[in-house]
């Protein structure tokens, strides 16, 4: 009986810690971007307010606020790549390279976010616990019928990863809240 109570108390403590962590995560600031005509607008929101399809800006060394497909980085002239740390996810401390899919490179000329780059729809597999595989597509309107750009794990930044060694990056939210 006493052992059972001790186990219940431990589980309650874990649940309370998890609830506190979730609340802190949900209250973090993130930058969501929109277009009003040709004007590009950046707005600071709470991570709990991010929705699938939102354009997310990562600025400097920061935590990724949701699972997202990478489309543009400050390294756009050099492979459109970025670096992430995933110790918060899988315990690995080495930097990992992520890259925007090759299909968007024809839409990037100046390194600035443009409306055609972000117009389209996402097709993604249901959320799952496998962090090393991902299958999806980004149907980019600007590319017409050939606009289905395959997405793999190399194009995805997972929530809680640390965006690192890259000045800035933009992507589209895939999984948010309980999905990530």
Protein backbone atom coordinates (compact mmCIF):
# COMPACT_ATOMS: atom_id res chain seq x y z
CA UNK A 1 0.00 0.00 0.00
CA UNK A 2 2.78 2.43 0.93
CA UNK A 3 4.74 1.52 -2.20
CA UNK A 4 1.67 2.23 -4.29
CA UNK A 5 1.26 5.66 -2.67
CA UNK A 6 4.92 6.47 -3.30
CA UNK A 7 4.50 5.53 -6.97
CA UNK A 8 1.35 7.66 -7.20
CA UNK A 9 3.16 10.64 -5.67
CA UNK A 10 6.05 10.23 -8.13
CA UNK A 11 3.61 10.09 -11.07
CA UNK A 12 1.76 13.16 -9.80
CA UNK A 13 5.05 15.06 -9.50
CA UNK A 14 5.99 14.08 -13.08
CA UNK A 15 2.56 15.16 -14.36
CA UNK A 16 2.87 18.53 -12.61
CA UNK A 17 6.38 19.07 -14.00
CA UNK A 18 5.18 18.17 -17.50
CA UNK A 19 2.22 20.57 -17.19
CA UNK A 20 4.56 23.37 -16.05
CA UNK A 21 6.94 22.66 -18.95
CA UNK A 22 4.04 22.62 -21.46
CA UNK A 23 2.77 25.95 -20.15
CA UNK A 24 6.23 27.53 -20.46
CA UNK A 25 6.58 26.18 -24.01
CA UNK A 26 3.15 27.48 -25.02
CA UNK A 27 3.96 30.97 -23.72
CA UNK A 28 7.26 31.38 -25.63
CA UNK A 29 7.40 34.10 -28.26
CA UNK A 30 7.63 33.23 -31.93
CA UNK A 31 7.60 35.33 -35.10
CA UNK A 32 4.77 34.66 -37.56
CA UNK A 33 4.92 36.41 -40.93
CA UNK A 34 2.16 37.39 -43.32
CA UNK A 35 1.81 39.27 -46.58
CA UNK A 36 -0.53 42.26 -47.01
CA UNK A 37 -0.32 42.80 -50.75
CA UNK A 38 3.43 43.03 -51.39
CA UNK A 39 4.18 44.15 -47.83
CA UNK A 40 5.84 41.57 -45.56
CA UNK A 41 4.68 41.78 -41.93
CA UNK A 42 6.33 40.11 -38.92
CA UNK A 43 4.23 39.65 -35.78
CA UNK A 44 5.30 38.26 -32.41
CA UNK A 45 2.85 35.63 -31.14
CA UNK A 46 2.82 32.95 -28.46
CA UNK A 47 3.74 29.50 -29.70
CA UNK A 48 0.29 28.25 -28.65
CA UNK A 49 -1.20 30.54 -31.32
CA UNK A 50 0.80 29.10 -34.24
CA UNK A 51 -1.32 27.21 -36.79
CA UNK A 52 -0.45 24.82 -39.61
CA UNK A 53 0.54 26.82 -42.68
CA UNK A 54 1.81 29.86 -40.75
CA UNK A 55 5.08 31.32 -42.01
CA UNK A 56 7.58 31.17 -39.15
CA UNK A 57 10.76 33.24 -38.90
CA UNK A 58 13.72 31.95 -36.91
CA UNK A 59 16.16 34.66 -35.93
CA UNK A 60 19.65 33.75 -34.78
CA UNK A 61 20.23 31.19 -32.05
CA UNK A 62 16.69 30.23 -30.99
CA UNK A 63 14.41 27.33 -30.21
CA UNK A 64 12.22 26.09 -33.05
CA UNK A 65 8.62 26.82 -31.94
CA UNK A 66 6.83 24.07 -33.93
CA UNK A 67 7.57 21.37 -36.46
CA UNK A 68 8.14 23.22 -39.73
CA UNK A 69 9.24 22.81 -43.33
CA UNK A 70 12.32 24.94 -44.06
CA UNK A 71 12.03 27.11 -47.21
CA UNK A 72 14.58 29.94 -46.95
CA UNK A 73 17.74 30.65 -44.92
CA UNK A 74 20.43 33.27 -44.68
CA UNK A 75 22.61 30.69 -46.47
CA UNK A 76 20.39 30.80 -49.58
CA UNK A 77 23.42 31.31 -51.87
CA UNK A 78 25.22 28.34 -50.35
CA UNK A 79 22.70 25.50 -50.58
CA UNK A 80 19.92 27.18 -48.54
CA UNK A 81 20.95 25.24 -45.44
CA UNK A 82 20.86 25.77 -41.69
CA UNK A 83 22.18 24.04 -38.60
CA UNK A 84 20.21 22.67 -35.69
CA UNK A 85 21.00 21.15 -32.32
CA UNK A 86 18.67 18.31 -31.33
CA UNK A 87 19.87 17.51 -27.79
CA UNK A 88 16.42 18.48 -26.44
CA UNK A 89 14.86 15.83 -28.69
CA UNK A 90 17.24 12.90 -29.03
CA UNK A 91 20.13 13.71 -26.68
CA UNK A 92 22.62 14.12 -29.55
CA UNK A 93 24.83 17.20 -29.12
CA UNK A 94 26.34 17.47 -32.60
CA UNK A 95 25.06 20.03 -35.10
CA UNK A 96 22.86 18.69 -37.89
CA UNK A 97 22.43 20.24 -41.32
CA UNK A 98 18.93 20.87 -42.65
CA UNK A 99 18.18 22.29 -46.07
CA UNK A 100 15.30 23.81 -47.94
CA UNK A 101 14.01 21.49 -50.67
CA UNK A 102 15.69 21.88 -54.06
CA UNK A 103 12.37 22.67 -55.73
CA UNK A 104 12.12 26.13 -54.12
CA UNK A 105 15.55 27.34 -55.23
CA UNK A 106 14.24 28.74 -58.53
CA UNK A 107 11.96 31.08 -56.54
CA UNK A 108 14.83 32.53 -54.48
CA UNK A 109 16.74 35.36 -56.11
CA UNK A 110 17.33 38.02 -53.46
CA UNK A 111 17.26 36.09 -50.21
CA UNK A 112 14.17 37.99 -49.12
CA UNK A 113 10.90 36.22 -48.39
CA UNK A 114 8.53 36.63 -51.33
CA UNK A 115 4.86 35.85 -51.55
CA UNK A 116 5.24 33.29 -54.40
CA UNK A 117 7.65 31.23 -52.27
CA UNK A 118 5.01 30.75 -49.56
CA UNK A 119 1.84 30.38 -51.65
CA UNK A 120 0.71 26.80 -51.81
CA UNK A 121 -0.44 23.93 -49.65
CA UNK A 122 1.22 21.26 -47.55
CA UNK A 123 0.58 17.55 -47.80
CA UNK A 124 2.08 15.72 -44.83
CA UNK A 125 1.88 12.36 -43.15
CA UNK A 126 0.05 12.17 -39.81
CA UNK A 127 2.18 13.09 -36.77
CA UNK A 128 4.20 10.19 -35.38
CA UNK A 129 7.08 9.54 -32.99
CA UNK A 130 9.67 8.69 -35.68
CA UNK A 131 11.93 11.76 -35.74
CA UNK A 132 14.27 10.45 -38.43
CA UNK A 133 11.75 9.94 -41.23
CA UNK A 134 9.22 12.25 -42.81
CA UNK A 135 7.19 12.12 -46.00
CA UNK A 136 5.29 15.02 -47.44
CA UNK A 137 5.04 17.53 -50.26
CA UNK A 138 4.78 21.27 -50.64
CA UNK A 139 2.54 22.19 -53.57
CA UNK A 140 3.88 25.60 -54.52
CA UNK A 141 1.41 27.59 -56.62
CA UNK A 142 4.17 29.57 -58.36
CA UNK A 143 5.57 26.38 -59.87
CA UNK A 144 2.28 25.40 -61.52
CA UNK A 145 1.40 21.78 -62.12
CA UNK A 146 5.00 20.75 -61.42
CA UNK A 147 4.76 22.47 -58.03
CA UNK A 148 4.71 19.32 -55.89
CA UNK A 149 8.03 19.57 -54.05
CA UNK A 150 8.90 16.44 -52.04
CA UNK A 151 9.70 16.99 -48.36
CA UNK A 152 11.90 14.67 -46.30
CA UNK A 153 13.33 14.72 -42.78
CA UNK A 154 16.26 16.79 -44.15
CA UNK A 155 13.82 19.65 -44.88
CA UNK A 156 12.06 19.57 -41.50
CA UNK A 157 12.94 21.38 -38.27
CA UNK A 158 11.40 19.79 -35.18
CA UNK A 159 9.94 21.71 -32.26
CA UNK A 160 12.44 22.18 -29.42
CA UNK A 161 15.48 21.85 -31.73
CA UNK A 162 17.85 24.80 -31.49
CA UNK A 163 18.32 26.82 -34.68
CA UNK A 164 22.04 27.55 -34.63
CA UNK A 165 24.98 28.96 -36.63
CA UNK A 166 22.58 30.52 -39.15
CA UNK A 167 21.50 34.18 -39.11
CA UNK A 168 17.85 33.62 -40.02
CA UNK A 169 15.45 31.16 -41.59
CA UNK A 170 11.83 30.93 -42.74
CA UNK A 171 9.57 27.94 -42.93
CA UNK A 172 5.96 26.84 -42.85
CA UNK A 173 4.40 25.34 -39.73
CA UNK A 174 3.49 21.68 -40.18
CA UNK A 175 2.58 20.31 -36.76
CA UNK A 176 1.58 22.57 -33.87
CA UNK A 177 0.55 22.13 -30.26
CA UNK A 178 -0.20 18.54 -29.30
CA UNK A 179 0.73 17.31 -32.78
CA UNK A 180 4.42 18.18 -32.35
